[in-house]
Protein backbone atom coordinates (compact mmCIF):
# COMPACT_ATOMS: atom_id res chain seq x y z
CA UNK A 1 -9.77 -31.69 -25.19
CA UNK A 2 -8.44 -28.68 -23.35
CA UNK A 3 -10.28 -25.77 -21.79
CA UNK A 4 -11.27 -22.98 -24.19
CA UNK A 5 -12.20 -20.66 -21.35
CA UNK A 6 -10.96 -20.06 -17.84
CA UNK A 7 -11.63 -18.00 -14.74
CA UNK A 8 -8.85 -15.44 -14.46
CA UNK A 9 -7.81 -13.33 -11.46
CA UNK A 10 -9.19 -9.88 -12.03
CA UNK A 11 -9.44 -10.42 -15.79
CA UNK A 12 -12.29 -9.53 -18.13
CA UNK A 13 -15.77 -10.79 -17.39
CA UNK A 14 -16.23 -14.35 -18.68
CA UNK A 15 -19.17 -15.06 -20.96
CA UNK A 16 -22.02 -16.57 -18.93
CA UNK A 17 -22.86 -18.72 -21.94
CA UNK A 18 -19.66 -20.70 -21.36
CA UNK A 19 -20.31 -24.14 -19.92
CA UNK A 20 -18.17 -26.98 -18.65
CA UNK A 21 -17.55 -29.68 -21.29
CA UNK A 22 -16.82 -33.36 -20.91
CA UNK A 23 -13.10 -33.80 -21.60
CA UNK A 24 -12.21 -30.29 -20.46
CA UNK A 25 -8.85 -30.19 -18.63
CA UNK A 26 -7.55 -28.31 -15.59
CA UNK A 27 -3.96 -28.19 -14.39
CA UNK A 28 -4.63 -29.04 -10.75
CA UNK A 29 -7.37 -29.49 -8.16
CA UNK A 30 -7.05 -25.90 -6.97
CA UNK A 31 -7.96 -24.72 -10.47
CA UNK A 32 -10.88 -27.17 -10.54
CA UNK A 33 -12.31 -25.86 -7.26
CA UNK A 34 -11.85 -22.25 -8.37
CA UNK A 35 -13.60 -22.89 -11.68
CA UNK A 36 -16.61 -24.60 -10.08
CA UNK A 37 -16.90 -21.97 -7.39
CA UNK A 38 -16.62 -19.03 -9.80
CA UNK A 39 -19.09 -20.62 -12.23
CA UNK A 40 -21.79 -20.90 -9.55
CA UNK A 41 -21.11 -17.53 -7.95
CA UNK A 42 -21.42 -15.74 -11.30
CA UNK A 43 -24.74 -17.49 -11.95
CA UNK A 44 -26.13 -16.88 -8.44
CA UNK A 45 -26.43 -20.60 -7.77
CA UNK A 46 -25.47 -22.48 -4.60
CA UNK A 47 -24.02 -25.97 -4.75
CA UNK A 48 -22.76 -28.69 -2.44
CA UNK A 49 -19.66 -30.85 -2.70
CA UNK A 50 -20.56 -34.52 -3.03
CA UNK A 51 -17.05 -35.97 -3.18
CA UNK A 52 -13.58 -34.48 -2.82
CA UNK A 53 -10.32 -36.41 -2.48
CA UNK A 54 -6.91 -36.67 -4.11
CA UNK A 55 -8.29 -37.97 -7.41
CA UNK A 56 -11.96 -36.93 -7.54
CA UNK A 57 -14.09 -33.84 -7.20
CA UNK A 58 -17.88 -33.93 -7.57
CA UNK A 59 -20.49 -31.24 -6.93
CA UNK A 60 -24.17 -30.70 -7.56
CA UNK A 61 -26.82 -28.02 -7.14
CA UNK A 62 -28.03 -27.62 -3.57
CA UNK A 63 -31.58 -28.12 -4.97
CA UNK A 64 -30.57 -31.17 -7.00
CA UNK A 65 -33.65 -33.09 -8.13
CA UNK A 66 -36.53 -32.62 -10.55
CA UNK A 67 -36.18 -28.83 -10.40
CA UNK A 68 -32.47 -28.71 -11.21
CA UNK A 69 -30.12 -31.53 -12.21
CA UNK A 70 -26.86 -29.52 -12.40
CA UNK A 71 -23.92 -31.70 -11.44
CA UNK A 72 -20.28 -32.20 -12.36
CA UNK A 73 -17.68 -34.90 -11.80
CA UNK A 74 -14.00 -34.16 -12.40
CA UNK A 75 -11.19 -36.66 -11.84
CA UNK A 76 -7.42 -36.79 -12.16
CA UNK A 77 -6.04 -38.49 -15.31
CA UNK A 78 -2.59 -39.91 -14.74
CA UNK A 79 -1.91 -40.33 -18.48
CA UNK A 80 -2.11 -36.62 -19.19
CA UNK A 81 -1.34 -35.51 -15.59
CA UNK A 82 -4.36 -33.22 -15.59
CA UNK A 83 -7.84 -33.08 -14.09
CA UNK A 84 -10.59 -33.84 -16.58
CA UNK A 85 -14.37 -33.29 -16.64
CA UNK A 86 -15.81 -36.82 -16.92
CA UNK A 87 -19.52 -36.20 -16.31
CA UNK A 88 -21.40 -32.92 -16.65
CA UNK A 89 -25.11 -32.05 -16.57
CA UNK A 90 -25.91 -28.39 -17.01
CA UNK A 91 -26.57 -25.53 -17.11
CA UNK A 92 -28.39 -25.02 -13.78
CA UNK A 93 -32.12 -24.41 -13.96
CA UNK A 94 -32.52 -22.69 -10.60
CA UNK A 95 -31.57 -19.18 -9.45
CA UNK A 96 -31.53 -19.37 -5.67
CA UNK A 97 -29.50 -16.28 -4.72
CA UNK A 98 -30.41 -12.73 -5.74
CA UNK A 99 -27.66 -10.73 -7.38
CA UNK A 100 -26.44 -8.03 -5.00
CA UNK A 101 -26.68 -10.21 -1.91
CA UNK A 102 -23.65 -12.01 -0.53
CA UNK A 103 -22.93 -15.54 -1.74
CA UNK A 104 -21.95 -18.20 0.79
CA UNK A 105 -19.15 -19.47 -1.51
CA UNK A 106 -17.69 -16.02 -2.04
CA UNK A 107 -15.43 -16.23 0.99
CA UNK A 108 -12.23 -14.34 1.82
CA UNK A 109 -10.04 -17.04 0.26
CA UNK A 110 -11.97 -16.80 -2.99
CA UNK A 111 -11.81 -13.00 -2.97
CA UNK A 112 -8.06 -13.09 -2.25
CA UNK A 113 -7.46 -14.97 -5.50
CA UNK A 114 -9.35 -12.30 -7.42
CA UNK A 115 -7.62 -9.28 -5.81
CA UNK A 116 -4.12 -10.82 -5.70
CA UNK A 117 -2.76 -8.88 -8.69
CA UNK A 118 -4.26 -5.59 -7.52
CA UNK A 119 -2.80 -5.86 -4.02
CA UNK A 120 0.59 -7.00 -5.32
CA UNK A 121 0.75 -3.98 -7.64
CA UNK A 122 -0.68 -1.49 -5.12
CA UNK A 123 -0.14 -2.81 -1.56
CA UNK A 124 -1.78 0.29 -0.04
CA UNK A 125 -4.95 -0.01 -2.13
CA UNK A 126 -8.01 0.77 0.01
CA UNK A 127 -10.61 -1.77 1.09
CA UNK A 128 -13.30 0.37 -0.53
CA UNK A 129 -11.62 0.15 -3.94
CA UNK A 130 -11.15 -3.62 -3.59
CA UNK A 131 -14.77 -3.98 -2.48
CA UNK A 132 -15.89 -2.17 -5.64
CA UNK A 133 -13.71 -4.43 -7.79
CA UNK A 134 -15.21 -7.55 -6.22
CA UNK A 135 -18.73 -6.23 -6.77
CA UNK A 136 -18.03 -5.39 -10.42
CA UNK A 137 -16.53 -8.81 -11.09
CA UNK A 138 -18.82 -11.13 -9.15
CA UNK A 139 -21.99 -9.07 -8.84
CA UNK A 140 -22.11 -9.24 -5.04
CA UNK A 141 -21.51 -6.52 -2.46
CA UNK A 142 -19.44 -8.25 0.20
CA UNK A 143 -18.66 -6.88 3.65
CA UNK A 144 -15.64 -4.71 4.45
CA UNK A 145 -14.38 -7.33 6.89
CA UNK A 146 -14.47 -10.10 4.29
CA UNK A 147 -12.46 -7.98 1.84
CA UNK A 148 -10.06 -6.91 4.60
CA UNK A 149 -9.43 -10.56 5.52
CA UNK A 150 -8.88 -11.36 1.84
CA UNK A 151 -6.29 -8.59 1.58
CA UNK A 152 -4.48 -9.96 4.65
CA UNK A 153 -4.31 -13.37 2.95
CA UNK A 154 -2.68 -11.76 -0.08
CA UNK A 155 -0.26 -9.70 2.04
CA UNK A 156 0.85 -12.82 3.93
CA UNK A 157 1.30 -14.81 0.72
CA UNK A 158 3.53 -12.06 -0.73
CA UNK A 159 5.40 -10.74 2.32
CA UNK A 160 4.84 -13.62 4.77
CA UNK A 161 3.34 -13.37 8.23
CA UNK A 162 3.75 -10.09 10.15
CA UNK A 163 5.09 -11.90 13.22
CA UNK A 164 7.66 -13.77 11.13
CA UNK A 165 8.81 -10.52 9.53
CA UNK A 166 8.98 -8.80 12.91
CA UNK A 167 11.04 -11.61 14.40
CA UNK A 168 13.50 -11.37 11.50
CA UNK A 169 13.98 -7.61 11.98
CA UNK A 170 16.79 -7.85 14.58
CA UNK A 171 18.74 -10.16 12.27
CA UNK A 172 18.49 -7.71 9.37
CA UNK A 173 19.46 -4.79 11.59
CA UNK A 174 22.46 -6.74 12.87
CA UNK A 175 23.49 -7.43 9.25
CA UNK A 176 23.34 -3.68 8.52
CA UNK A 177 25.65 -3.00 11.45
CA UNK A 178 28.07 -5.70 10.29
CA UNK A 179 28.32 -4.55 6.68
CA UNK A 180 27.88 -0.79 7.22
CA UNK A 181 30.37 0.20 9.93
CA UNK A 182 29.13 3.11 12.01
CA UNK A 183 25.47 2.13 11.70
CA UNK A 184 23.66 2.58 15.01
CA UNK A 185 20.32 0.91 15.79
CA UNK A 186 17.87 1.64 18.61
CA UNK A 187 14.86 -0.69 18.72
CA UNK A 188 11.99 0.36 21.01
CA UNK A 189 8.70 -1.56 21.03
CA UNK A 190 5.22 -0.59 22.16
CA UNK A 191 1.58 -1.35 21.19
CA UNK A 192 0.90 -0.43 17.54
CA UNK A 193 -1.51 2.46 16.93
CA UNK A 194 -0.55 3.36 13.38
CA UNK A 195 2.74 4.30 11.75
CA UNK A 196 4.77 7.08 10.18
CA UNK A 197 8.24 7.25 8.67
CA UNK A 198 10.87 9.83 9.67
CA UNK A 199 13.87 10.29 7.38
CA UNK A 200 16.83 12.67 7.76
CA UNK A 201 18.79 13.65 4.63
CA UNK A 202 22.26 15.12 4.14
CA UNK A 203 23.33 17.25 1.17
CA UNK A 204 26.99 16.91 0.23
CA UNK A 205 29.31 19.32 -1.60
CA UNK A 206 28.16 17.99 -4.98
CA UNK A 207 24.49 18.76 -4.20
CA UNK A 208 23.72 15.06 -3.73
CA UNK A 209 20.98 14.41 -1.18
CA UNK A 210 21.58 11.27 0.86
CA UNK A 211 19.49 9.64 3.63
CA UNK A 212 21.47 9.28 6.86
CA UNK A 213 18.86 8.18 9.41
CA UNK A 214 15.31 6.89 9.49
CA UNK A 215 12.74 5.66 12.00
CA UNK A 216 9.37 3.92 11.87
CA UNK A 217 7.18 5.31 14.65
CA UNK A 218 3.54 5.40 15.67
CA UNK A 219 2.85 8.83 14.15
CA UNK A 220 4.00 12.45 13.93
CA UNK A 221 3.48 13.16 17.62
CA UNK A 222 5.63 14.87 20.27
CA UNK A 223 6.89 11.63 21.83
CA UNK A 224 7.91 10.19 18.46
CA UNK A 225 9.83 13.31 17.38
CA UNK A 226 11.45 13.54 20.80
CA UNK A 227 12.62 9.92 20.52
CA UNK A 228 13.93 10.39 16.96
CA UNK A 229 15.65 13.76 17.35
CA UNK A 230 17.24 12.81 20.68
CA UNK A 231 18.93 9.71 19.29
CA UNK A 232 19.77 11.52 16.05
CA UNK A 233 21.66 14.19 18.02
CA UNK A 234 23.34 11.64 20.27
CA UNK A 235 24.51 9.11 17.68
CA UNK A 236 24.43 10.70 14.20
CA UNK A 237 25.04 14.46 14.51
CA UNK A 238 26.82 15.12 17.82
CA UNK A 239 29.04 17.83 16.27
CA UNK A 240 28.25 21.56 16.85
CA UNK A 241 27.14 23.94 14.12
CA UNK A 242 24.70 21.58 12.41
CA UNK A 243 22.24 23.25 10.01
CA UNK A 244 18.69 21.86 10.26
CA UNK A 245 16.21 22.43 7.42
CA UNK A 246 12.65 21.36 8.20
CA UNK A 247 9.02 22.36 7.95
CA UNK A 248 7.17 23.94 10.88
CA UNK A 249 5.21 20.92 12.08
CA UNK A 250 4.23 21.66 15.69
CA UNK A 251 5.85 18.49 17.04
CA UNK A 252 9.14 19.18 15.22
CA UNK A 253 9.20 22.84 16.16
CA UNK A 254 8.39 22.06 19.79
CA UNK A 255 11.24 19.60 20.13
CA UNK A 256 13.81 21.69 18.21
CA UNK A 257 13.11 24.78 20.30
CA UNK A 258 12.59 23.26 23.75
CA UNK A 259 14.50 24.95 26.58
CA UNK A 260 16.94 22.06 26.93
CA UNK A 261 17.26 21.46 23.19
CA UNK A 262 20.67 20.96 21.59
CA UNK A 263 19.15 21.97 18.23
CA UNK A 264 19.27 25.71 19.02
CA UNK A 265 22.18 28.16 18.58
CA UNK A 266 25.05 27.85 19.22
CA UNK A 267 24.74 24.05 19.04
CA UNK A 268 22.71 24.04 15.80
CA UNK A 269 20.95 26.45 13.44
CA UNK A 270 17.56 26.17 11.79
CA UNK A 271 16.29 27.11 8.34
CA UNK A 272 12.89 26.81 6.71
CA UNK A 273 12.37 24.07 4.12
CA UNK A 274 11.94 25.58 0.64
CA UNK A 275 8.79 23.55 0.07
CA UNK A 276 7.34 24.97 3.29
CA UNK A 277 8.05 28.55 2.15
CA UNK A 278 6.62 27.97 -1.33
CA UNK A 279 3.50 26.22 0.00
CA UNK A 280 2.79 29.13 2.34
CA UNK A 281 3.49 31.60 -0.47
CA UNK A 282 0.79 29.99 -2.64
CA UNK A 283 -1.63 30.05 0.30
CA UNK A 284 -1.06 33.78 0.83
CA UNK A 285 -0.63 35.11 -2.72
CA UNK A 286 -1.95 32.46 -5.15
CA UNK A 287 0.36 33.49 -7.99
CA UNK A 288 2.00 30.60 -9.85
CA UNK A 289 4.24 32.80 -12.00
CA UNK A 290 5.73 34.61 -9.01
CA UNK A 291 6.05 31.26 -7.24
CA UNK A 292 8.56 30.24 -9.92
CA UNK A 293 10.50 33.47 -9.37
CA UNK A 294 10.58 32.78 -5.62
CA UNK A 295 11.87 29.24 -6.20
CA UNK A 296 14.63 30.54 -8.47
CA UNK A 297 15.61 33.08 -5.80
CA UNK A 298 15.70 30.46 -3.05
CA UNK A 299 17.93 28.13 -5.04
CA UNK A 300 20.49 30.77 -6.01
CA UNK A 301 24.07 29.84 -5.18
CA UNK A 302 25.45 33.39 -4.88
CA UNK A 303 24.33 36.56 -3.08
CA UNK A 304 25.18 38.65 -6.13
CA UNK A 305 22.15 37.40 -8.09
CA UNK A 306 19.64 37.55 -5.25
CA UNK A 307 18.86 41.34 -5.39
CA UNK A 308 17.66 40.94 -8.99
CA UNK A 309 14.97 38.38 -8.09
CA UNK A 310 14.06 40.07 -4.81
CA UNK A 311 13.67 43.41 -6.62
CA UNK A 312 11.47 41.77 -9.24
CA UNK A 313 9.18 40.38 -6.53
CA UNK A 314 9.03 43.79 -4.84
CA UNK A 315 8.09 45.44 -8.14
CA UNK A 316 5.30 42.96 -8.79
CA UNK A 317 3.86 42.97 -5.27
CA UNK A 318 5.51 44.75 -2.36
CA UNK A 319 3.45 42.69 0.10
CA UNK A 320 5.47 39.62 -0.98
CA UNK A 321 8.81 41.09 0.05
CA UNK A 322 7.32 42.35 3.33
CA UNK A 323 6.07 38.82 3.99
CA UNK A 324 9.53 37.41 3.33
CA UNK A 325 11.24 40.05 5.49
CA UNK A 326 8.97 39.20 8.42
CA UNK A 327 10.39 35.69 8.59
CA UNK A 328 12.92 35.24 11.43
CA UNK A 329 16.35 36.10 10.08
CA UNK A 330 17.82 32.98 11.65
CA UNK A 331 15.50 30.84 9.58
């Protein structure tokens, strides 16, 4: 006899009428333990393990006796190379734990098996969302810490330990330098407070946008931008006349326009990012139709066509063209 029901990771709710059956098979001991644990958690019953070794697994209700005789014995069958239910007495007759309270068997390891697929698909999924999924599936509201620990178990099982990955980083960076001549790496370490990614792109003559430098830093703060832009200027773009297109984030603007900056004329020239202009346009004028006209004007490839779009904007709302004309001509 094989199992006609199973406990799946994050799958549909199993029917509580399902019971273990003598002769029911499981592929391994891990599946046995998961099935017994899930069965009791879903029914708000606590149990104790009577015997557990390489070939046997037995459990019974923590109130085993006249009030409840729930028990199960599962052993490994060498003939079929599977674990088989040999003795079963159920269902349980007691309901010790109230639904909604935490269950002692619903630990982080158990939760990690349930949320594995969700975390693998969406690694940045929030603890709150995972907590809600656990509550919907098991009927218990577990603590944030327990769910956070469960997520860390999943992350480690997929991506390995953080320290291992960190220790491998220099080797991967060295490989980049070996196989991509001209690659320059600067590794600076400090206590972790969070993270942000900085990426610099280059647009070639065929309008292809290519990443040329990136950094993982603690956040979009003055020190981080200073570190990134300084090394970018020194090792990636030392030539004069570079055109920089960026938004007006205070940290970026402060570093680009510092008194000793090599990102100011005549060393380099600055332009506003189109997305920055359009976002501010919507904030000021809230007109989606004219936003499209502005985008078309910004992306024109010849000066000859520009007066047409600029004149159209002036005709629709003269305040728009005044707003554009007030922008620094160098940007």
